[in-house]
Amino acid sequence: MAPEHVKEKLPRVALIASERTVCEHSTFLQHLLVGLADESIPAALVGPPRWDKGSVFAMAAELIEHPVFDVPFMGRLNTWLLAERLVRFKPTVLHCLCETKASVAKHLARRLDIPYVLTVNSLRRRWSPLPVSPTHCAKIIVPAKSIAADMAKIHPRFADRIEQINVGTFVADTPGCFSEPSQLATLVTAHRFDNSDEFENLFGVVRHLLIHGYEFMMVVVGGGRAERQLWKLLAALGLLPIVTLVPRGIPWRSLLASGDIFIRPQPSTVFDPLLLEAMSLGVAVAACRGGVDDLIIQDQTALVFDQNDDLSILRTLQRLLDRREVARQIAGTALEHLRKNHSVSTMISATVQVYRALSR
């Protein structure tokens, strides 16, 4: 006689994280690991060597460093060693958290003969499609509608495997911007330091704000080959006393919490966790449209400007600085939007549902 009910097979999940994942998406990774622990789902976290394991809730997972030998021409050996380590963990599903590790995930899934999930956080170039296994890649998770549409267009045969799961975040009760009227206003922006020309319009506007008598400080989060040129540009504009450049890898949630206005100066082809966290902390957002801009809803979650028009940027920032009630209203509307669409519990529930379905 068959039993009245068969106990559901518990997933065993191996998460594959890139350096970008543990550096820029550390908050998401914390939430995911804690959520899996709450569901009693065993997890292994494959991460880069020499990464700050204190930046994530590492106690919730078995940690595996990859690559073991961080030198050229060792790719095949490193992947073999990783596969052997995962054989001992016995995962039922792999989850590749960054498309930069798509090839590794594809190889491991074939080697272990288990399904895998691929998270895609960015828009794709048509001439560089992702390596996706048609037999083992069971689900492609995206954090935004714009990325879902892009993936379906470039990889139409995988369109039925694409699922949007919004990144969850914990949301402040009230707007944090301009909560202390006597304090100096703080502007925060984040963008890669690959081309100093992309900062000229914004820094020019910041200089005009100073000339017009506005008092504030500014923090620029990022890193890249043009950092020296940015320091020179700041010096030429006389902005060194009020502008600070900080690396993107620092614990930036506390930095964002101290901000009043978050500026997205250029369109981004990648889902931006800093924009999400800034909104979740009640910071008013001024941004341009384009790229992955699903979070930017004009006059609701953000004030929108034309990134190529200095006057447009200037007027937007002046409006937020002059009318702080407008800034707090924008921040409050963004908080409501995140509560409805970006809860951590919903994200964990949807992700675990994917794991369970693939582990049966």
Protein backbone atom coordinates (compact mmCIF):
# COMPACT_ATOMS: atom_id res chain seq x y z
CA MET A 1 0.00 0.00 0.00
CA ALA A 2 1.35 3.41 -0.97
CA PRO A 3 1.83 5.95 1.82
CA GLU A 4 -0.81 8.61 2.20
CA HIS A 5 1.75 11.26 1.37
CA VAL A 6 5.31 11.28 0.10
CA LYS A 7 7.71 13.60 1.86
CA GLU A 8 8.87 16.32 -0.50
CA LYS A 9 12.53 16.11 -1.46
CA LEU A 10 14.47 18.92 0.16
CA PRO A 11 16.59 20.91 -2.32
CA ARG A 12 20.35 21.14 -1.87
CA VAL A 13 21.50 24.31 -3.59
CA ALA A 14 24.97 25.24 -4.81
CA LEU A 15 25.20 28.99 -5.42
CA ILE A 16 27.88 30.18 -7.84
CA ALA A 17 28.92 33.76 -7.16
CA SER A 18 31.31 36.01 -9.05
CA GLU A 19 33.48 38.74 -7.59
CA ARG A 20 30.83 41.23 -8.74
CA THR A 21 28.16 39.28 -6.86
CA VAL A 22 29.94 39.31 -3.50
CA CYS A 23 31.07 42.93 -3.96
CA GLU A 24 28.08 44.71 -5.46
CA HIS A 25 25.20 42.37 -4.62
CA SER A 26 26.28 41.44 -1.10
CA THR A 27 22.98 42.57 0.46
CA PHE A 28 20.99 40.37 -1.94
CA LEU A 29 23.34 37.46 -1.16
CA GLN A 30 22.84 37.92 2.57
CA HIS A 31 19.07 37.90 2.18
CA LEU A 32 19.16 34.79 -0.03
CA LEU A 33 21.44 32.82 2.33
CA VAL A 34 19.41 33.74 5.41
CA GLY A 35 16.20 32.85 3.56
CA LEU A 36 17.56 29.42 2.61
CA ALA A 37 18.64 28.84 6.21
CA ASP A 38 15.16 29.75 7.42
CA GLU A 39 13.73 27.18 5.00
CA SER A 40 16.26 24.56 6.24
CA ILE A 41 17.64 24.24 2.71
CA PRO A 42 21.33 23.19 2.69
CA ALA A 43 23.44 25.57 0.60
CA ALA A 44 27.00 25.74 -0.68
CA LEU A 45 28.38 29.08 -1.76
CA VAL A 46 31.04 29.05 -4.47
CA GLY A 47 32.91 32.36 -4.36
CA PRO A 48 36.14 33.94 -5.55
CA PRO A 49 39.37 33.47 -3.56
CA ARG A 50 40.47 36.15 -1.11
CA TRP A 51 37.00 37.66 -0.82
CA ASP A 52 35.71 39.24 2.36
CA LYS A 53 33.59 36.43 3.76
CA GLY A 54 32.39 38.76 6.50
CA SER A 55 30.48 40.73 3.85
CA VAL A 56 27.84 37.98 3.58
CA PHE A 57 26.08 35.73 6.07
CA ALA A 58 28.69 33.03 5.49
CA MET A 59 27.58 30.89 8.44
CA ALA A 60 24.46 29.94 6.47
CA ALA A 61 26.38 28.04 3.78
CA GLU A 62 29.31 25.75 3.11
CA LEU A 63 31.97 27.96 1.54
CA ILE A 64 33.91 26.81 -1.54
CA GLU A 65 36.61 28.97 -3.12
CA HIS A 66 36.94 28.99 -6.90
CA PRO A 67 39.35 29.10 -8.63
CA VAL A 68 41.81 27.25 -6.41
CA PHE A 69 44.72 28.21 -8.65
CA ASP A 70 44.21 31.85 -9.65
CA VAL A 71 46.73 31.76 -12.52
CA PRO A 72 46.38 31.56 -16.33
CA PHE A 73 45.77 28.25 -18.13
CA MET A 74 44.33 26.54 -15.04
CA GLY A 75 40.67 26.92 -15.97
CA ARG A 76 40.02 23.27 -16.77
CA LEU A 77 41.78 22.03 -13.62
CA ASN A 78 39.96 24.57 -11.43
CA THR A 79 36.59 23.53 -12.83
CA TRP A 80 37.43 19.85 -12.29
CA LEU A 81 38.42 20.53 -8.66
CA LEU A 82 35.19 22.48 -8.13
CA ALA A 83 33.13 19.64 -9.59
CA GLU A 84 34.81 17.14 -7.26
CA ARG A 85 34.06 19.35 -4.27
CA LEU A 86 30.42 19.70 -5.31
CA VAL A 87 30.08 15.94 -5.78
CA ARG A 88 30.70 15.62 -2.04
CA PHE A 89 28.07 18.29 -1.30
CA LYS A 90 25.53 16.47 -3.53
CA PRO A 91 23.51 19.46 -4.82
CA THR A 92 20.15 18.89 -6.48
CA VAL A 93 20.28 22.22 -8.29
CA LEU A 94 22.91 24.82 -9.21
CA HIS A 95 22.17 28.54 -9.19
CA CYS A 96 24.59 30.74 -11.11
CA LEU A 97 24.12 34.23 -9.62
CA CYS A 98 26.02 36.13 -12.31
CA GLU A 99 26.15 35.70 -16.07
CA THR A 100 29.96 36.02 -16.00
CA LYS A 101 29.98 32.49 -14.52
CA ALA A 102 27.55 31.07 -17.09
CA SER A 103 30.19 28.87 -18.76
CA VAL A 104 31.25 27.39 -15.42
CA ALA A 105 27.64 26.66 -14.46
CA LYS A 106 26.94 25.07 -17.83
CA HIS A 107 29.95 22.75 -17.51
CA LEU A 108 29.19 21.81 -13.89
CA ALA A 109 25.55 21.03 -14.62
CA ARG A 110 26.57 18.65 -17.40
CA ARG A 111 29.27 17.07 -15.26
CA LEU A 112 26.95 16.55 -12.27
CA ASP A 113 23.90 15.90 -14.48
CA ILE A 114 21.63 18.24 -12.53
CA PRO A 115 19.52 21.25 -13.57
CA TYR A 116 20.74 24.78 -13.07
CA VAL A 117 19.29 28.25 -12.76
CA LEU A 118 20.99 31.23 -14.39
CA THR A 119 20.51 34.76 -13.08
CA VAL A 120 21.03 37.51 -15.67
CA ASN A 121 21.49 41.00 -14.22
CA SER A 122 22.32 42.97 -17.36
CA LEU A 123 21.29 43.73 -20.91
CA ARG A 124 23.16 41.63 -23.45
CA ARG A 125 25.15 42.60 -26.53
CA ARG A 126 23.74 40.87 -29.58
CA TRP A 127 27.20 39.75 -30.72
CA SER A 128 28.01 38.10 -27.37
CA PRO A 129 25.13 35.77 -26.46
CA LEU A 130 25.28 33.79 -23.23
CA PRO A 131 26.46 30.17 -23.15
CA VAL A 132 23.26 28.43 -22.05
CA SER A 133 22.70 24.68 -21.96
CA PRO A 134 19.40 23.78 -23.66
CA THR A 135 19.25 20.50 -21.71
CA HIS A 136 20.34 21.55 -18.21
CA CYS A 137 19.43 25.25 -17.87
CA ALA A 138 15.91 24.96 -16.51
CA LYS A 139 15.26 28.58 -15.55
CA ILE A 140 16.65 32.04 -16.32
CA ILE A 141 15.93 34.51 -13.53
CA VAL A 142 16.00 38.25 -14.23
CA PRO A 143 15.50 41.16 -11.80
CA ALA A 144 13.78 43.55 -14.21
CA LYS A 145 11.23 43.59 -17.03
CA SER A 146 13.69 45.35 -19.34
CA ILE A 147 16.21 42.51 -18.94
CA ALA A 148 13.48 39.90 -19.47
CA ALA A 149 12.47 41.50 -22.77
CA ASP A 150 16.12 41.78 -23.84
CA MET A 151 16.84 38.12 -23.05
CA ALA A 152 13.71 36.93 -24.86
CA LYS A 153 14.77 38.89 -27.96
CA ILE A 154 18.38 37.64 -28.01
CA HIS A 155 17.63 34.07 -26.83
CA PRO A 156 14.12 33.41 -28.19
CA ARG A 157 14.33 29.64 -27.75
CA PHE A 158 14.74 30.13 -23.99
CA ALA A 159 11.90 32.67 -23.69
CA ASP A 160 9.63 30.20 -21.87
CA ARG A 161 12.32 29.65 -19.21
CA ILE A 162 12.67 33.32 -18.28
CA GLU A 163 11.15 34.34 -14.96
CA GLN A 164 11.27 37.77 -13.36
CA ILE A 165 11.94 37.71 -9.63
CA ASN A 166 12.39 41.20 -8.23
CA VAL A 167 15.33 41.72 -5.91
CA GLY A 168 14.01 42.14 -2.37
CA THR A 169 15.09 44.72 0.16
CA PHE A 170 14.08 45.87 3.62
CA VAL A 171 12.38 49.25 3.41
CA ALA A 172 12.63 52.15 5.85
CA ASP A 173 9.46 53.23 7.63
CA THR A 174 9.85 56.88 6.62
CA PRO A 175 11.99 58.87 4.16
CA GLY A 176 15.52 59.38 5.41
CA CYS A 177 16.41 62.33 3.21
CA PHE A 178 16.54 65.78 4.79
CA SER A 179 15.32 64.39 8.11
CA GLU A 180 17.65 66.79 9.95
CA PRO A 181 17.07 70.31 8.54
CA SER A 182 20.19 71.72 10.19
CA GLN A 183 22.56 69.20 8.61
CA LEU A 184 24.53 69.84 5.42
CA ALA A 185 22.91 68.21 2.38
CA THR A 186 24.71 65.14 1.03
CA LEU A 187 24.63 64.08 -2.61
CA VAL A 188 25.62 60.50 -3.50
CA THR A 189 26.24 59.07 -6.95
CA ALA A 190 27.63 55.78 -8.25
CA HIS A 191 29.12 55.10 -11.66
CA ARG A 192 32.14 53.27 -13.04
CA PHE A 193 35.32 55.34 -13.40
CA ASP A 194 36.04 54.08 -16.91
CA ASN A 195 35.58 57.37 -18.74
CA SER A 196 36.02 60.74 -17.05
CA ASP A 197 34.01 62.40 -19.84
CA GLU A 198 30.87 60.76 -18.45
CA PHE A 199 31.25 62.87 -15.29
CA GLU A 200 31.88 66.25 -16.93
CA ASN A 201 28.22 67.31 -17.14
CA LEU A 202 27.45 66.31 -13.56
CA PHE A 203 30.58 67.88 -12.07
CA GLY A 204 29.95 71.02 -14.10
CA VAL A 205 26.48 71.24 -12.58
CA VAL A 206 27.90 70.68 -9.09
CA ARG A 207 30.25 73.62 -9.69
CA HIS A 208 27.29 75.81 -10.74
CA LEU A 209 25.44 74.84 -7.56
CA LEU A 210 28.41 76.04 -5.51
CA ILE A 211 28.58 79.29 -7.47
CA HIS A 212 24.88 79.83 -6.76
CA GLY A 213 25.54 79.53 -3.04
CA TYR A 214 24.32 76.01 -2.29
CA GLU A 215 26.07 74.26 0.59
CA PHE A 216 26.48 70.50 0.40
CA MET A 217 28.95 67.64 0.18
CA MET A 218 29.15 64.91 -2.45
CA VAL A 219 30.24 61.27 -2.41
CA VAL A 220 31.04 59.43 -5.67
CA VAL A 221 31.09 55.63 -5.45
CA GLY A 222 32.96 53.67 -8.09
CA GLY A 223 36.25 52.48 -9.47
CA GLY A 224 38.03 52.11 -12.78
CA ARG A 225 40.91 53.10 -15.01
CA ALA A 226 39.93 56.79 -15.22
CA GLU A 227 40.16 57.50 -11.47
CA ARG A 228 43.28 59.66 -11.85
CA GLN A 229 41.58 61.71 -14.58
CA LEU A 230 38.58 62.21 -12.29
CA TRP A 231 40.78 63.61 -9.53
CA LYS A 232 42.31 66.00 -12.09
CA LEU A 233 38.84 67.06 -13.26
CA LEU A 234 37.73 67.72 -9.69
CA ALA A 235 40.86 69.77 -9.06
CA ALA A 236 40.35 71.80 -12.25
CA LEU A 237 36.77 72.61 -11.24
CA GLY A 238 37.71 73.45 -7.66
CA LEU A 239 35.58 70.63 -6.25
CA LEU A 240 38.17 68.75 -4.20
CA PRO A 241 36.99 70.29 -0.88
CA ILE A 242 33.45 68.96 -1.24
CA VAL A 243 33.67 65.81 -3.42
CA THR A 244 35.01 62.47 -2.19
CA LEU A 245 35.66 59.38 -4.34
CA VAL A 246 35.17 56.04 -2.56
CA PRO A 247 35.59 52.46 -3.87
CA ARG A 248 32.47 50.48 -4.72
CA GLY A 249 33.46 47.53 -2.54
CA ILE A 250 33.03 49.33 0.80
CA PRO A 251 29.98 48.65 3.04
CA TRP A 252 27.90 51.17 1.16
CA ARG A 253 24.51 50.77 2.84
CA SER A 254 25.62 52.96 5.76
CA LEU A 255 27.06 55.42 3.25
CA LEU A 256 23.77 55.58 1.36
CA ALA A 257 21.88 56.04 4.62
CA SER A 258 23.77 59.28 5.20
CA GLY A 259 22.73 60.66 1.81
CA ASP A 260 19.85 62.97 0.97
CA ILE A 261 19.91 62.77 -2.84
CA PHE A 262 21.07 59.80 -4.92
CA ILE A 263 22.02 60.68 -8.51
CA ARG A 264 22.19 58.24 -11.41
CA PRO A 265 24.22 60.31 -13.91
CA GLN A 266 24.27 57.88 -16.86
CA PRO A 267 22.10 55.01 -18.14
CA SER A 268 23.19 51.62 -16.84
CA THR A 269 23.02 48.32 -18.74
CA VAL A 270 23.20 46.48 -15.41
CA PHE A 271 20.62 46.26 -12.64
CA ASP A 272 21.93 48.68 -10.02
CA PRO A 273 21.69 47.43 -6.41
CA LEU A 274 22.87 50.82 -5.11
CA LEU A 275 19.86 52.53 -6.69
CA LEU A 276 17.56 49.95 -5.08
CA GLU A 277 19.18 50.34 -1.66
CA ALA A 278 19.17 54.14 -1.88
CA MET A 279 15.42 54.06 -2.52
CA SER A 280 14.88 51.55 0.28
CA LEU A 281 16.58 53.92 2.75
CA GLY A 282 14.32 56.81 1.77
CA VAL A 283 16.90 58.77 -0.20
CA ALA A 284 15.43 61.01 -2.92
CA VAL A 285 16.51 59.93 -6.41
CA ALA A 286 17.44 62.11 -9.38
CA ALA A 287 18.17 60.01 -12.45
CA CYS A 288 18.30 59.74 -16.21
CA ARG A 289 16.30 57.16 -18.13
CA GLY A 290 17.73 54.41 -20.31
CA GLY A 291 19.23 50.95 -19.91
CA VAL A 292 17.90 49.02 -16.93
CA ASP A 293 15.65 51.76 -15.58
CA ASP A 294 12.65 49.82 -14.26
CA LEU A 295 12.95 51.42 -10.80
CA ILE A 296 12.86 54.94 -12.25
CA ILE A 297 9.25 56.11 -12.58
CA GLN A 298 9.14 59.79 -13.47
CA ASP A 299 7.78 62.09 -10.73
CA GLN A 300 6.92 59.05 -8.60
CA THR A 301 10.02 57.15 -7.53
CA ALA A 302 12.47 59.70 -9.00
CA LEU A 303 12.88 63.07 -10.66
CA VAL A 304 14.16 62.52 -14.18
CA PHE A 305 16.67 64.63 -16.13
CA ASP A 306 18.38 64.54 -19.52
CA GLN A 307 21.96 63.39 -18.90
CA ASN A 308 23.19 65.39 -21.90
CA ASP A 309 21.57 68.65 -20.79
CA ASP A 310 23.39 70.54 -18.01
CA LEU A 311 20.40 72.80 -17.44
CA SER A 312 18.08 69.81 -17.00
CA ILE A 313 20.41 68.29 -14.37
CA LEU A 314 20.82 71.65 -12.63
CA ARG A 315 17.09 72.35 -12.42
CA THR A 316 16.37 68.85 -11.10
CA LEU A 317 18.94 69.11 -8.30
CA GLN A 318 17.87 72.66 -7.46
CA ARG A 319 14.27 71.49 -7.12
CA LEU A 320 15.26 68.81 -4.63
CA LEU A 321 17.57 71.12 -2.67
CA ASP A 322 15.17 74.08 -2.64
CA ARG A 323 11.99 72.14 -1.96
CA ARG A 324 12.87 69.48 0.53
CA GLU A 325 9.23 68.52 0.93
CA VAL A 326 9.28 67.47 -2.74
CA ALA A 327 12.38 65.35 -2.10
CA ARG A 328 10.72 63.62 0.86
CA GLN A 329 7.53 63.07 -1.15
CA ILE A 330 9.48 61.41 -3.98
CA ALA A 331 11.37 59.28 -1.46
CA GLY A 332 8.11 58.30 0.26
CA THR A 333 6.48 57.23 -2.99
CA ALA A 334 9.57 55.14 -3.82
CA LEU A 335 9.30 53.43 -0.42
CA GLU A 336 5.69 52.47 -1.14
CA HIS A 337 6.67 51.13 -4.57
CA LEU A 338 9.38 48.94 -3.03
CA ARG A 339 7.05 47.64 -0.29
CA LYS A 340 4.63 46.44 -2.96
CA ASN A 341 7.13 45.07 -5.47
CA HIS A 342 10.47 44.32 -3.81
CA SER A 343 9.87 42.53 -0.51
CA VAL A 344 12.53 40.09 0.69
CA SER A 345 9.95 37.47 1.67
CA THR A 346 8.43 37.44 -1.83
CA MET A 347 11.88 37.13 -3.42
CA ILE A 348 12.85 34.22 -1.16
CA SER A 349 9.51 32.46 -1.64
CA ALA A 350 9.69 32.67 -5.44
CA THR A 351 13.32 31.54 -5.54
CA VAL A 352 12.75 28.60 -3.19
CA GLN A 353 9.75 27.58 -5.30
CA VAL A 354 12.07 27.36 -8.31
CA TYR A 355 14.55 25.22 -6.37
CA ARG A 356 11.83 22.88 -5.10
CA ALA A 357 10.33 22.42 -8.56
CA LEU A 358 13.73 21.47 -10.01
CA SER A 359 14.62 19.11 -7.16
CA ARG A 360 11.68 16.74 -7.42
